[in-house]
N, C-alpha and C. Protein backbone atom coordinates (compact mmCIF):
# COMPACT_ATOMS: atom_id res chain seq x y z
N MET A 1 16.19 -33.55 1.95
CA MET A 1 15.10 -33.07 1.11
C MET A 1 14.81 -31.61 1.43
N ILE A 2 14.65 -30.80 0.42
CA ILE A 2 14.38 -29.38 0.61
C ILE A 2 12.88 -29.18 0.66
N SER A 3 12.45 -28.42 1.65
CA SER A 3 11.03 -28.14 1.81
C SER A 3 10.78 -26.67 1.51
N VAL A 4 9.80 -26.41 0.69
CA VAL A 4 9.44 -25.04 0.36
C VAL A 4 8.16 -24.70 1.12
N THR A 5 8.25 -23.67 1.95
CA THR A 5 7.09 -23.30 2.77
C THR A 5 6.34 -22.11 2.21
N ASP A 6 6.92 -21.41 1.25
CA ASP A 6 6.25 -20.24 0.69
C ASP A 6 5.18 -20.66 -0.29
N ASP A 7 4.02 -20.06 -0.17
CA ASP A 7 2.93 -20.28 -1.10
C ASP A 7 3.28 -19.54 -2.39
N ALA A 8 3.02 -20.15 -3.52
CA ALA A 8 3.36 -19.53 -4.81
C ALA A 8 2.63 -18.21 -5.01
N SER A 9 1.40 -18.10 -4.53
CA SER A 9 0.66 -16.85 -4.70
C SER A 9 1.29 -15.72 -3.90
N VAL A 10 1.90 -16.04 -2.78
CA VAL A 10 2.58 -15.02 -1.98
C VAL A 10 3.83 -14.54 -2.70
N ALA A 11 4.50 -15.43 -3.38
CA ALA A 11 5.73 -15.07 -4.10
C ALA A 11 5.43 -14.06 -5.21
N ASP A 12 4.23 -14.08 -5.76
CA ASP A 12 3.87 -13.16 -6.83
C ASP A 12 3.46 -11.79 -6.32
N GLU A 13 3.21 -11.66 -5.02
CA GLU A 13 2.77 -10.40 -4.43
C GLU A 13 3.98 -9.49 -4.23
N PRO A 14 3.83 -8.19 -4.53
CA PRO A 14 4.94 -7.27 -4.27
C PRO A 14 5.16 -7.08 -2.77
N ASP A 15 6.36 -6.74 -2.41
CA ASP A 15 6.69 -6.46 -1.01
C ASP A 15 5.95 -5.20 -0.59
N THR A 16 5.17 -5.28 0.48
CA THR A 16 4.36 -4.13 0.88
C THR A 16 4.99 -3.31 2.00
N ARG A 17 6.23 -3.62 2.38
CA ARG A 17 6.86 -2.83 3.45
C ARG A 17 6.96 -1.36 3.09
N ALA A 18 7.29 -1.06 1.83
CA ALA A 18 7.38 0.34 1.41
C ALA A 18 6.01 1.01 1.48
N LEU A 19 4.97 0.27 1.12
CA LEU A 19 3.60 0.79 1.21
C LEU A 19 3.23 1.04 2.67
N ASP A 20 3.55 0.10 3.54
CA ASP A 20 3.26 0.27 4.97
C ASP A 20 3.98 1.50 5.52
N ASP A 21 5.24 1.68 5.13
CA ASP A 21 6.00 2.85 5.59
C ASP A 21 5.37 4.14 5.08
N LEU A 22 4.96 4.14 3.81
CA LEU A 22 4.31 5.32 3.23
C LEU A 22 3.04 5.66 4.00
N LEU A 23 2.19 4.66 4.25
CA LEU A 23 0.94 4.90 4.96
C LEU A 23 1.21 5.39 6.38
N ASP A 24 2.21 4.81 7.05
CA ASP A 24 2.57 5.29 8.39
C ASP A 24 2.93 6.77 8.36
N ASP A 25 3.74 7.16 7.38
CA ASP A 25 4.16 8.56 7.27
C ASP A 25 2.99 9.47 6.91
N LEU A 26 2.20 9.05 5.94
CA LEU A 26 1.07 9.87 5.49
C LEU A 26 0.05 10.13 6.59
N TYR A 27 -0.25 9.12 7.36
CA TYR A 27 -1.34 9.23 8.34
C TYR A 27 -0.88 9.70 9.71
N ARG A 28 0.39 10.03 9.84
CA ARG A 28 0.87 10.57 11.12
C ARG A 28 0.19 11.92 11.35
N GLY A 29 -0.72 11.97 12.32
CA GLY A 29 -1.44 13.20 12.63
C GLY A 29 -2.64 13.47 11.73
N GLN A 30 -2.96 12.55 10.84
CA GLN A 30 -4.09 12.72 9.92
C GLN A 30 -5.07 11.57 10.10
N GLU A 31 -6.36 11.88 10.02
CA GLU A 31 -7.37 10.81 10.11
C GLU A 31 -7.73 10.25 8.74
N ARG A 32 -7.85 11.14 7.75
CA ARG A 32 -8.25 10.71 6.41
C ARG A 32 -7.38 11.43 5.38
N ILE A 33 -7.08 10.71 4.30
CA ILE A 33 -6.24 11.25 3.22
C ILE A 33 -6.90 10.88 1.90
N THR A 34 -6.82 11.77 0.93
CA THR A 34 -7.42 11.48 -0.38
C THR A 34 -6.59 10.49 -1.17
N GLN A 35 -7.25 9.82 -2.08
CA GLN A 35 -6.57 8.89 -2.98
C GLN A 35 -5.50 9.63 -3.77
N ALA A 36 -5.82 10.84 -4.21
CA ALA A 36 -4.87 11.63 -5.00
C ALA A 36 -3.60 11.93 -4.21
N GLU A 37 -3.75 12.27 -2.93
CA GLU A 37 -2.56 12.57 -2.11
C GLU A 37 -1.74 11.31 -1.86
N ILE A 38 -2.42 10.20 -1.61
CA ILE A 38 -1.70 8.93 -1.43
C ILE A 38 -0.90 8.62 -2.69
N TYR A 39 -1.52 8.79 -3.85
CA TYR A 39 -0.84 8.51 -5.11
C TYR A 39 0.34 9.44 -5.34
N ARG A 40 0.13 10.75 -5.10
CA ARG A 40 1.24 11.72 -5.27
C ARG A 40 2.44 11.34 -4.41
N ARG A 41 2.18 11.02 -3.16
CA ARG A 41 3.29 10.66 -2.25
C ARG A 41 3.93 9.33 -2.65
N ALA A 42 3.13 8.40 -3.14
CA ALA A 42 3.67 7.11 -3.58
C ALA A 42 4.61 7.29 -4.77
N VAL A 43 4.23 8.16 -5.70
CA VAL A 43 5.08 8.45 -6.85
C VAL A 43 6.37 9.11 -6.37
N ALA A 44 6.25 10.07 -5.46
CA ALA A 44 7.42 10.78 -4.95
C ALA A 44 8.39 9.85 -4.22
N THR A 45 7.86 8.82 -3.57
CA THR A 45 8.73 7.88 -2.85
C THR A 45 9.16 6.71 -3.73
N GLU A 46 8.75 6.75 -5.00
CA GLU A 46 9.15 5.76 -5.99
C GLU A 46 8.77 4.33 -5.59
N LEU A 47 7.50 4.17 -5.19
CA LEU A 47 7.00 2.81 -4.92
C LEU A 47 7.05 1.99 -6.20
N PRO A 48 7.12 0.67 -6.08
CA PRO A 48 7.14 -0.18 -7.29
C PRO A 48 5.86 0.01 -8.13
N PRO A 49 5.97 -0.21 -9.42
CA PRO A 49 4.82 -0.01 -10.32
C PRO A 49 3.58 -0.80 -9.91
N GLU A 50 3.76 -2.01 -9.36
CA GLU A 50 2.60 -2.82 -8.95
C GLU A 50 1.81 -2.11 -7.85
N LEU A 51 2.52 -1.49 -6.92
CA LEU A 51 1.84 -0.79 -5.83
C LEU A 51 1.24 0.53 -6.31
N LEU A 52 1.92 1.22 -7.22
CA LEU A 52 1.36 2.45 -7.79
C LEU A 52 0.06 2.13 -8.53
N ALA A 53 0.02 1.02 -9.23
CA ALA A 53 -1.19 0.63 -9.95
C ALA A 53 -2.35 0.38 -8.98
N ARG A 54 -2.04 -0.25 -7.85
CA ARG A 54 -3.08 -0.49 -6.84
C ARG A 54 -3.65 0.83 -6.32
N ILE A 55 -2.75 1.76 -6.01
CA ILE A 55 -3.19 3.06 -5.49
C ILE A 55 -3.99 3.81 -6.54
N ASN A 56 -3.51 3.77 -7.78
CA ASN A 56 -4.20 4.46 -8.87
C ASN A 56 -5.60 3.89 -9.10
N ALA A 57 -5.79 2.62 -8.81
CA ALA A 57 -7.08 1.96 -9.02
C ALA A 57 -8.10 2.26 -7.92
N LEU A 58 -7.65 2.85 -6.82
CA LEU A 58 -8.61 3.22 -5.77
C LEU A 58 -9.59 4.26 -6.29
N PRO A 59 -10.86 4.12 -5.95
CA PRO A 59 -11.81 5.18 -6.31
C PRO A 59 -11.41 6.50 -5.63
N GLU A 60 -11.71 7.61 -6.29
CA GLU A 60 -11.43 8.91 -5.69
C GLU A 60 -12.19 9.02 -4.38
N GLY A 61 -11.62 9.74 -3.46
CA GLY A 61 -12.25 9.94 -2.16
C GLY A 61 -11.22 9.93 -1.06
N GLU A 62 -11.71 10.01 0.17
CA GLU A 62 -10.83 10.01 1.34
C GLU A 62 -10.87 8.65 2.02
N TYR A 63 -9.73 8.28 2.59
CA TYR A 63 -9.60 6.98 3.23
C TYR A 63 -8.94 7.13 4.59
N ALA A 64 -9.43 6.39 5.57
CA ALA A 64 -8.74 6.24 6.84
C ALA A 64 -7.61 5.24 6.61
N VAL A 65 -6.64 5.21 7.49
CA VAL A 65 -5.47 4.35 7.30
C VAL A 65 -5.87 2.88 7.20
N ASP A 66 -6.81 2.43 8.01
CA ASP A 66 -7.18 1.02 7.95
C ASP A 66 -7.89 0.68 6.64
N GLU A 67 -8.70 1.61 6.12
CA GLU A 67 -9.36 1.40 4.84
C GLU A 67 -8.33 1.32 3.71
N ALA A 68 -7.41 2.26 3.69
CA ALA A 68 -6.39 2.29 2.63
C ALA A 68 -5.53 1.03 2.70
N SER A 69 -5.12 0.65 3.88
CA SER A 69 -4.28 -0.52 4.03
C SER A 69 -5.00 -1.78 3.57
N ASP A 70 -6.26 -1.94 3.97
CA ASP A 70 -7.04 -3.10 3.55
C ASP A 70 -7.19 -3.17 2.03
N LEU A 71 -7.52 -2.05 1.42
CA LEU A 71 -7.74 -2.01 -0.01
C LEU A 71 -6.46 -2.21 -0.82
N LEU A 72 -5.34 -1.78 -0.26
CA LEU A 72 -4.07 -1.84 -0.98
C LEU A 72 -3.24 -3.08 -0.64
N GLY A 73 -3.68 -3.84 0.35
CA GLY A 73 -2.94 -5.05 0.70
C GLY A 73 -1.80 -4.83 1.66
N GLY A 74 -1.84 -3.73 2.40
CA GLY A 74 -0.79 -3.45 3.38
C GLY A 74 -1.10 -4.06 4.73
N ASN A 75 -0.25 -3.76 5.69
CA ASN A 75 -0.39 -4.29 7.04
C ASN A 75 -0.46 -3.21 8.09
N VAL A 76 -0.96 -2.04 7.74
CA VAL A 76 -1.08 -0.92 8.67
C VAL A 76 -2.53 -0.83 9.10
N GLY A 77 -2.73 -0.45 10.34
CA GLY A 77 -4.13 -0.31 10.72
C GLY A 77 -4.37 -0.15 12.14
């Protein structure tokens, strides 16, 4: 018998490794980064459309890495 351990809701979530890598790179030596800069870098690194939409939906302003990661569904912090 085959057992499926993955939750269906997890399967619908985009892979956030690219987002985690982006945030690691962006926040190296920086405490806070603007939503606009996060979005610009995400576009330049060609993140998937689902992740770009999440970043674009962030309110304008500055974010610490843990705030950005929490709001975007990443694992950096």
